Amino acid sequence: MNIRLSPKKSLAIALIVGAASTFATTPASSETVDSINISSSQTQLLAQTPGTIVDVAAGNDNFETLVQAVQAAGLVDTLAGEGPFTVFAPTDAAFAALPDGALEALLEPDNLDLLTDILTYHVVPGEVMSTDLASGVVETLNGPVAVEVEPDEVSVNEASVIMADVPASNGVIHAIDEVLIPAETVAELVRRMETAETVESMETETTMETETTVETTAPMEAIPALW
């Protein structure tokens, strides 16, 4: 993977955790002390061991559409695997900004191959923190993307990184504000959507013609008896 270390300013999120405790003057029992110690240990363990990329995304309200797409494409086991992976994760707002009908089309069973192409275009093998990124080409699981690193911004194929270095047990997530789609996938998706629209239009016209014929056709008169 063509990643170069860069001294540029990191976009990592500063996590500030504060805690305050007030104890009663009555000495705590040994049972209470043990309970406090266990609770503290569990909290530290959870803080040190986040879930997989899929777990972290599923626990964040900004990635509901991404999780739905990953499930539809059958990539849950892959992204929950050992990895490590770096995921440039489009937010719900990014998916909502797709052209009308595009997301619905991608989630259809016949187009899941295109959805898989798009999702794997957001995944980079290895754990790449924001401090490791430098301007240049980065290889995803489905081809190269262009990364541009500036003092106050990091972009991937012109999509901006809006939240960086979200940790997971098998990699890291960088949230982006646009969905990355390879040019050839765009062309094929447009072709399929146009074909589906044409077929739907033809079916609608056929139905309307059939209904019109039924309504305008006069009932047959009874054939007079010849004897």
C-alpha atoms as a PDB file:
ATOM      1  CA  MET A   1       0.000   0.000   0.000  1.00  0.00           C
ATOM      2  CA  ASN A   2       1.432   3.365  -1.074  1.00  0.00           C
ATOM      3  CA  ILE A   3       1.191   5.210   2.250  1.00  0.00           C
ATOM      4  CA  ARG A   4       3.855   7.715   3.294  1.00  0.00           C
ATOM      5  CA  LEU A   5       4.348   9.055   6.774  1.00  0.00           C
ATOM      6  CA  SER A   6       3.534  12.735   6.929  1.00  0.00           C
ATOM      7  CA  PRO A   7       4.362  15.349   9.573  1.00  0.00           C
ATOM      8  CA  LYS A   8       1.165  17.270   8.725  1.00  0.00           C
ATOM      9  CA  LYS A   9      -1.306  18.113  11.406  1.00  0.00           C
ATOM     10  CA  SER A  10      -3.358  15.120  12.568  1.00  0.00           C
ATOM     11  CA  LEU A  11      -7.128  15.209  12.334  1.00  0.00           C
ATOM     12  CA  ALA A  12      -7.433  12.833  15.276  1.00  0.00           C
ATOM     13  CA  ILE A  13     -10.288  13.485  17.643  1.00  0.00           C
ATOM     14  CA  ALA A  14      -9.285  14.533  21.157  1.00  0.00           C
ATOM     15  CA  LEU A  15     -11.207  12.447  23.621  1.00  0.00           C
ATOM     16  CA  ILE A  16     -11.560  14.137  26.991  1.00  0.00           C
ATOM     17  CA  VAL A  17     -12.903  12.051  29.791  1.00  0.00           C
ATOM     18  CA  GLY A  18     -13.523  13.552  33.226  1.00  0.00           C
ATOM     19  CA  ALA A  19     -14.843  11.891  36.318  1.00  0.00           C
ATOM     20  CA  ALA A  20     -15.541  13.047  39.854  1.00  0.00           C
ATOM     21  CA  SER A  21     -16.518  10.984  42.877  1.00  0.00           C
ATOM     22  CA  THR A  22     -17.810  12.001  46.306  1.00  0.00           C
ATOM     23  CA  PHE A  23     -17.618   9.472  49.104  1.00  0.00           C
ATOM     24  CA  ALA A  24     -19.673   9.409  52.310  1.00  0.00           C
ATOM     25  CA  THR A  25     -17.869   9.754  55.608  1.00  0.00           C
ATOM     26  CA  THR A  26     -18.945   6.254  56.601  1.00  0.00           C
ATOM     27  CA  PRO A  27     -16.218   3.770  55.626  1.00  0.00           C
ATOM     28  CA  ALA A  28     -17.224   1.562  52.718  1.00  0.00           C
ATOM     29  CA  SER A  29     -17.513  -2.125  53.317  1.00  0.00           C
ATOM     30  CA  SER A  30     -15.069  -4.508  51.640  1.00  0.00           C
ATOM     31  CA  GLU A  31     -17.920  -5.761  49.439  1.00  0.00           C
ATOM     32  CA  THR A  32     -18.640  -2.225  48.248  1.00  0.00           C
ATOM     33  CA  VAL A  33     -14.942  -1.578  47.574  1.00  0.00           C
ATOM     34  CA  ASP A  34     -14.671  -4.800  45.562  1.00  0.00           C
ATOM     35  CA  SER A  35     -17.750  -3.796  43.547  1.00  0.00           C
ATOM     36  CA  ILE A  36     -16.232  -0.386  42.789  1.00  0.00           C
ATOM     37  CA  ASN A  37     -12.945  -1.964  41.733  1.00  0.00           C
ATOM     38  CA  ILE A  38     -14.673  -4.450  39.415  1.00  0.00           C
ATOM     39  CA  SER A  39     -16.796  -1.711  37.864  1.00  0.00           C
ATOM     40  CA  SER A  40     -13.726   0.441  37.312  1.00  0.00           C
ATOM     41  CA  SER A  41     -11.831  -2.432  35.708  1.00  0.00           C
ATOM     42  CA  GLN A  42     -14.733  -3.182  33.353  1.00  0.00           C
ATOM     43  CA  THR A  43     -14.955   0.473  32.325  1.00  0.00           C
ATOM     44  CA  GLN A  44     -11.237   0.596  31.577  1.00  0.00           C
ATOM     45  CA  LEU A  45     -11.451  -2.670  29.619  1.00  0.00           C
ATOM     46  CA  LEU A  46     -14.330  -1.384  27.476  1.00  0.00           C
ATOM     47  CA  ALA A  47     -12.468   1.861  26.835  1.00  0.00           C
ATOM     48  CA  GLN A  48      -9.363  -0.029  25.738  1.00  0.00           C
ATOM     49  CA  THR A  49     -11.058  -2.642  23.552  1.00  0.00           C
ATOM     50  CA  PRO A  50     -13.647  -1.168  21.144  1.00  0.00           C
ATOM     51  CA  GLY A  51     -15.695  -3.498  18.990  1.00  0.00           C
ATOM     52  CA  THR A  52     -15.010  -4.357  15.379  1.00  0.00           C
ATOM     53  CA  ILE A  53     -15.505  -1.855  12.579  1.00  0.00           C
ATOM     54  CA  VAL A  54     -19.031  -3.199  12.089  1.00  0.00           C
ATOM     55  CA  ASP A  55     -19.772  -2.927  15.822  1.00  0.00           C
ATOM     56  CA  VAL A  56     -18.496   0.646  16.027  1.00  0.00           C
ATOM     57  CA  ALA A  57     -20.448   1.703  12.928  1.00  0.00           C
ATOM     58  CA  ALA A  58     -23.617   0.012  14.203  1.00  0.00           C
ATOM     59  CA  GLY A  59     -23.291   1.888  17.480  1.00  0.00           C
ATOM     60  CA  ASN A  60     -23.081   5.286  15.758  1.00  0.00           C
ATOM     61  CA  ASP A  61     -26.267   6.968  14.536  1.00  0.00           C
ATOM     62  CA  ASN A  62     -24.353   8.592  11.655  1.00  0.00           C
ATOM     63  CA  PHE A  63     -23.665   5.257   9.952  1.00  0.00           C
ATOM     64  CA  GLU A  64     -27.101   3.598   9.836  1.00  0.00           C
ATOM     65  CA  THR A  65     -27.258   3.564   6.021  1.00  0.00           C
ATOM     66  CA  LEU A  66     -23.688   2.275   5.767  1.00  0.00           C
ATOM     67  CA  VAL A  67     -24.488  -0.611   8.111  1.00  0.00           C
ATOM     68  CA  GLN A  68     -27.637  -1.390   6.091  1.00  0.00           C
ATOM     69  CA  ALA A  69     -25.571  -1.440   2.893  1.00  0.00           C
ATOM     70  CA  VAL A  70     -22.868  -3.655   4.431  1.00  0.00           C
ATOM     71  CA  GLN A  71     -25.527  -6.110   5.572  1.00  0.00           C
ATOM     72  CA  ALA A  72     -27.243  -6.124   2.155  1.00  0.00           C
ATOM     73  CA  ALA A  73     -23.929  -6.781   0.392  1.00  0.00           C
ATOM     74  CA  GLY A  74     -23.028  -9.619   2.770  1.00  0.00           C
ATOM     75  CA  LEU A  75     -19.821  -7.919   3.948  1.00  0.00           C
ATOM     76  CA  VAL A  76     -20.479  -8.046   7.697  1.00  0.00           C
ATOM     77  CA  ASP A  77     -18.221 -11.046   8.303  1.00  0.00           C
ATOM     78  CA  THR A  78     -15.469  -9.501   6.177  1.00  0.00           C
ATOM     79  CA  LEU A  79     -15.406  -6.168   8.001  1.00  0.00           C
ATOM     80  CA  ALA A  80     -15.765  -7.922  11.345  1.00  0.00           C
ATOM     81  CA  GLY A  81     -12.790 -10.129  10.487  1.00  0.00           C
ATOM     82  CA  GLU A  82      -9.244  -9.957  11.773  1.00  0.00           C
ATOM     83  CA  GLY A  83      -8.151  -7.187   9.410  1.00  0.00           C
ATOM     84  CA  PRO A  84      -6.835  -4.709  10.128  1.00  0.00           C
ATOM     85  CA  PHE A  85      -8.796  -2.389   7.832  1.00  0.00           C
ATOM     86  CA  THR A  86      -9.097   1.325   7.313  1.00  0.00           C
ATOM     87  CA  VAL A  87     -12.605   2.390   6.307  1.00  0.00           C
ATOM     88  CA  PHE A  88     -13.472   5.749   4.788  1.00  0.00           C
ATOM     89  CA  ALA A  89     -17.069   5.631   6.013  1.00  0.00           C
ATOM     90  CA  PRO A  90     -19.778   7.730   4.312  1.00  0.00           C
ATOM     91  CA  THR A  91     -22.270   9.208   6.750  1.00  0.00           C
ATOM     92  CA  ASP A  92     -26.040   8.941   6.384  1.00  0.00           C
ATOM     93  CA  ALA A  93     -26.039  12.484   4.981  1.00  0.00           C
ATOM     94  CA  ALA A  94     -23.537  11.384   2.322  1.00  0.00           C
ATOM     95  CA  PHE A  95     -25.800   8.544   1.176  1.00  0.00           C
ATOM     96  CA  ALA A  96     -28.810  10.868   1.247  1.00  0.00           C
ATOM     97  CA  ALA A  97     -26.994  13.196  -1.169  1.00  0.00           C
ATOM     98  CA  LEU A  98     -26.848  10.522  -3.898  1.00  0.00           C
ATOM     99  CA  PRO A  99     -29.043  11.172  -6.963  1.00  0.00           C
ATOM    100  CA  ASP A 100     -32.713  10.271  -6.599  1.00  0.00           C
ATOM    101  CA  GLY A 101     -33.260   6.531  -6.771  1.00  0.00           C
ATOM    102  CA  ALA A 102     -29.555   5.607  -6.697  1.00  0.00           C
ATOM    103  CA  LEU A 103     -29.479   4.191  -3.158  1.00  0.00           C
ATOM    104  CA  GLU A 104     -32.742   2.302  -3.664  1.00  0.00           C
ATOM    105  CA  ALA A 105     -31.348   0.834  -6.889  1.00  0.00           C
ATOM    106  CA  LEU A 106     -28.102  -0.238  -5.205  1.00  0.00           C
ATOM    107  CA  LEU A 107     -30.002  -2.064  -2.467  1.00  0.00           C
ATOM    108  CA  GLU A 108     -31.977  -4.131  -4.989  1.00  0.00           C
ATOM    109  CA  PRO A 109     -30.872  -7.806  -5.177  1.00  0.00           C
ATOM    110  CA  ASP A 110     -29.932  -7.539  -8.867  1.00  0.00           C
ATOM    111  CA  ASN A 111     -27.514  -4.678  -8.149  1.00  0.00           C
ATOM    112  CA  LEU A 112     -25.701  -5.979  -5.082  1.00  0.00           C
ATOM    113  CA  ASP A 113     -22.577  -6.559  -7.173  1.00  0.00           C
ATOM    114  CA  LEU A 114     -22.397  -2.809  -7.771  1.00  0.00           C
ATOM    115  CA  LEU A 115     -23.029  -2.117  -4.081  1.00  0.00           C
ATOM    116  CA  THR A 116     -20.146  -4.434  -3.202  1.00  0.00           C
ATOM    117  CA  ASP A 117     -17.886  -2.618  -5.674  1.00  0.00           C
ATOM    118  CA  ILE A 118     -18.746   0.687  -4.011  1.00  0.00           C
ATOM    119  CA  LEU A 119     -18.305  -0.497  -0.419  1.00  0.00           C
ATOM    120  CA  THR A 120     -14.945  -2.174  -1.071  1.00  0.00           C
ATOM    121  CA  TYR A 121     -13.837   1.085  -2.739  1.00  0.00           C
ATOM    122  CA  HIS A 122     -13.964   2.601   0.770  1.00  0.00           C
ATOM    123  CA  VAL A 123     -11.778  -0.042   2.445  1.00  0.00           C
ATOM    124  CA  VAL A 124      -7.981   0.074   2.643  1.00  0.00           C
ATOM    125  CA  PRO A 125      -6.001  -2.966   3.860  1.00  0.00           C
ATOM    126  CA  GLY A 126      -4.095  -2.186   7.040  1.00  0.00           C
ATOM    127  CA  GLU A 127      -4.599   0.399   9.758  1.00  0.00           C
ATOM    128  CA  VAL A 128      -3.888   3.879   8.415  1.00  0.00           C
ATOM    129  CA  MET A 129      -4.192   6.639  10.992  1.00  0.00           C
ATOM    130  CA  SER A 130      -4.620  10.259   9.971  1.00  0.00           C
ATOM    131  CA  THR A 131      -0.979  10.909  10.904  1.00  0.00           C
ATOM    132  CA  ASP A 132       0.061   8.248   8.363  1.00  0.00           C
ATOM    133  CA  LEU A 133      -1.766   9.857   5.453  1.00  0.00           C
ATOM    134  CA  ALA A 134       0.011  11.931   2.837  1.00  0.00           C
ATOM    135  CA  SER A 135      -1.059  13.334  -0.501  1.00  0.00           C
ATOM    136  CA  GLY A 136      -0.958  10.656  -3.165  1.00  0.00           C
ATOM    137  CA  VAL A 137      -2.625   7.447  -4.263  1.00  0.00           C
ATOM    138  CA  VAL A 138      -3.932   4.869  -1.800  1.00  0.00           C
ATOM    139  CA  GLU A 139      -4.982   1.389  -2.902  1.00  0.00           C
ATOM    140  CA  THR A 140      -8.394   0.227  -1.690  1.00  0.00           C
ATOM    141  CA  LEU A 141      -9.838  -3.267  -2.058  1.00  0.00           C
ATOM    142  CA  ASN A 142     -11.360  -2.077  -5.345  1.00  0.00           C
ATOM    143  CA  GLY A 143      -8.765   0.186  -6.891  1.00  0.00           C
ATOM    144  CA  PRO A 144      -6.907   3.417  -6.135  1.00  0.00           C
ATOM    145  CA  VAL A 145      -8.261   6.593  -4.562  1.00  0.00           C
ATOM    146  CA  ALA A 146      -6.583   9.994  -4.481  1.00  0.00           C
ATOM    147  CA  VAL A 147      -5.781  11.380  -1.039  1.00  0.00           C
ATOM    148  CA  GLU A 148      -5.063  15.068  -0.558  1.00  0.00           C
ATOM    149  CA  VAL A 149      -3.636  16.206   2.773  1.00  0.00           C
ATOM    150  CA  GLU A 150      -3.689  19.888   3.666  1.00  0.00           C
ATOM    151  CA  PRO A 151      -2.999  21.626   6.993  1.00  0.00           C
ATOM    152  CA  ASP A 152      -6.691  21.874   7.865  1.00  0.00           C
ATOM    153  CA  GLU A 153      -8.296  19.183   5.729  1.00  0.00           C
ATOM    154  CA  VAL A 154      -7.911  15.670   4.364  1.00  0.00           C
ATOM    155  CA  SER A 155      -9.892  14.653   1.283  1.00  0.00           C
ATOM    156  CA  VAL A 156     -10.369  11.352  -0.537  1.00  0.00           C
ATOM    157  CA  ASN A 157     -11.449  11.709  -4.169  1.00  0.00           C
ATOM    158  CA  GLU A 158     -12.704  15.190  -3.161  1.00  0.00           C
ATOM    159  CA  ALA A 159     -14.781  13.800  -0.255  1.00  0.00           C
ATOM    160  CA  SER A 160     -13.758  15.499   2.985  1.00  0.00           C
ATOM    161  CA  VAL A 161     -12.779  13.589   6.108  1.00  0.00           C
ATOM    162  CA  ILE A 162     -15.065  15.058   8.756  1.00  0.00           C
ATOM    163  CA  MET A 163     -14.186  12.738  11.651  1.00  0.00           C
ATOM    164  CA  ALA A 164     -10.870  10.926  11.859  1.00  0.00           C
ATOM    165  CA  ASP A 165      -9.256   8.083  13.772  1.00  0.00           C
ATOM    166  CA  VAL A 166     -12.350   6.399  15.220  1.00  0.00           C
ATOM    167  CA  PRO A 167     -10.797   3.268  16.752  1.00  0.00           C
ATOM    168  CA  ALA A 168     -11.998  -0.298  16.263  1.00  0.00           C
ATOM    169  CA  SER A 169     -10.544  -3.605  17.409  1.00  0.00           C
ATOM    170  CA  ASN A 170      -9.699  -4.549  13.814  1.00  0.00           C
ATOM    171  CA  GLY A 171      -8.782  -1.177  12.341  1.00  0.00           C
ATOM    172  CA  VAL A 172      -9.856   2.434  12.167  1.00  0.00           C
ATOM    173  CA  ILE A 173     -12.706   4.499  10.688  1.00  0.00           C
ATOM    174  CA  HIS A 174     -12.489   7.918   9.041  1.00  0.00           C
ATOM    175  CA  ALA A 175     -15.936   9.427   8.377  1.00  0.00           C
ATOM    176  CA  ILE A 176     -16.372  11.212   5.017  1.00  0.00           C
ATOM    177  CA  ASP A 177     -19.107  13.463   3.646  1.00  0.00           C
ATOM    178  CA  GLU A 178     -19.537  11.852   0.205  1.00  0.00           C
ATOM    179  CA  VAL A 179     -19.952   8.334  -1.167  1.00  0.00           C
ATOM    180  CA  LEU A 180     -16.979   7.223  -3.264  1.00  0.00           C
ATOM    181  CA  ILE A 181     -18.030   5.483  -6.482  1.00  0.00           C
ATOM    182  CA  PRO A 182     -15.659   4.253  -9.232  1.00  0.00           C
ATOM    183  CA  ALA A 183     -16.384   5.832 -12.628  1.00  0.00           C
ATOM    184  CA  GLU A 184     -17.170   2.505 -14.290  1.00  0.00           C
ATOM    185  CA  THR A 185     -19.611   1.639 -11.492  1.00  0.00           C
ATOM    186  CA  VAL A 186     -21.388   4.968 -11.968  1.00  0.00           C
ATOM    187  CA  ALA A 187     -21.792   4.255 -15.678  1.00  0.00           C
ATOM    188  CA  GLU A 188     -23.145   0.745 -15.073  1.00  0.00           C
ATOM    189  CA  LEU A 189     -25.539   1.923 -12.358  1.00  0.00           C
ATOM    190  CA  VAL A 190     -26.912   4.634 -14.662  1.00  0.00           C
ATOM    191  CA  ARG A 191     -27.357   2.073 -17.456  1.00  0.00           C
ATOM    192  CA  ARG A 192     -29.235  -0.336 -15.193  1.00  0.00           C
ATOM    193  CA  MET A 193     -31.432   2.404 -13.751  1.00  0.00           C
ATOM    194  CA  GLU A 194     -32.321   3.627 -17.238  1.00  0.00           C
ATOM    195  CA  THR A 195     -33.085   0.070 -18.350  1.00  0.00           C
ATOM    196  CA  ALA A 196     -35.280  -0.521 -15.304  1.00  0.00           C
ATOM    197  CA  GLU A 197     -37.089   2.754 -15.931  1.00  0.00           C
ATOM    198  CA  THR A 198     -37.672   1.832 -19.571  1.00  0.00           C
ATOM    199  CA  VAL A 199     -39.034  -1.595 -18.636  1.00  0.00           C
ATOM    200  CA  GLU A 200     -41.297  -0.065 -15.986  1.00  0.00           C
ATOM    201  CA  SER A 201     -42.544   2.516 -18.487  1.00  0.00           C
ATOM    202  CA  MET A 202     -43.303  -0.186 -21.069  1.00  0.00           C
ATOM    203  CA  GLU A 203     -45.132  -2.272 -18.477  1.00  0.00           C
ATOM    204  CA  THR A 204     -47.183   0.759 -17.428  1.00  0.00           C
ATOM    205  CA  GLU A 205     -48.096   1.581 -21.037  1.00  0.00           C
ATOM    206  CA  THR A 206     -49.095  -2.036 -21.706  1.00  0.00           C
ATOM    207  CA  THR A 207     -51.300  -2.072 -18.614  1.00  0.00           C
ATOM    208  CA  MET A 208     -52.975   1.195 -19.599  1.00  0.00           C
ATOM    209  CA  GLU A 209     -53.590  -0.032 -23.164  1.00  0.00           C
ATOM    210  CA  THR A 210     -55.125  -3.248 -21.844  1.00  0.00           C
ATOM    211  CA  GLU A 211     -57.416  -1.361 -19.470  1.00  0.00           C
ATOM    212  CA  THR A 212     -58.475   1.034 -22.254  1.00  0.00           C
ATOM    213  CA  THR A 213     -59.273  -1.858 -24.598  1.00  0.00           C
ATOM    214  CA  VAL A 214     -61.434  -3.550 -21.980  1.00  0.00           C
ATOM    215  CA  GLU A 215     -63.328  -0.342 -21.248  1.00  0.00           C
ATOM    216  CA  THR A 216     -64.004   0.626 -24.908  1.00  0.00           C
ATOM    217  CA  THR A 217     -64.868  -2.766 -26.338  1.00  0.00           C
ATOM    218  CA  ALA A 218     -68.670  -3.193 -26.637  1.00  0.00           C
ATOM    219  CA  PRO A 219     -70.164  -6.472 -25.430  1.00  0.00           C
ATOM    220  CA  MET A 220     -70.901  -8.969 -28.195  1.00  0.00           C
ATOM    221  CA  GLU A 221     -74.536  -9.207 -29.247  1.00  0.00           C
ATOM    222  CA  ALA A 222     -76.159 -12.554 -29.031  1.00  0.00           C
ATOM    223  CA  ILE A 223     -76.029 -14.532 -32.295  1.00  0.00           C
ATOM    224  CA  PRO A 224     -79.606 -15.000 -33.529  1.00  0.00           C
ATOM    225  CA  ALA A 225     -80.810 -18.553 -33.727  1.00  0.00           C
ATOM    226  CA  LEU A 226     -81.091 -19.971 -37.243  1.00  0.00           C
ATOM    227  CA  TRP A 227     -83.806 -22.435 -36.341  1.00  0.00           C
END
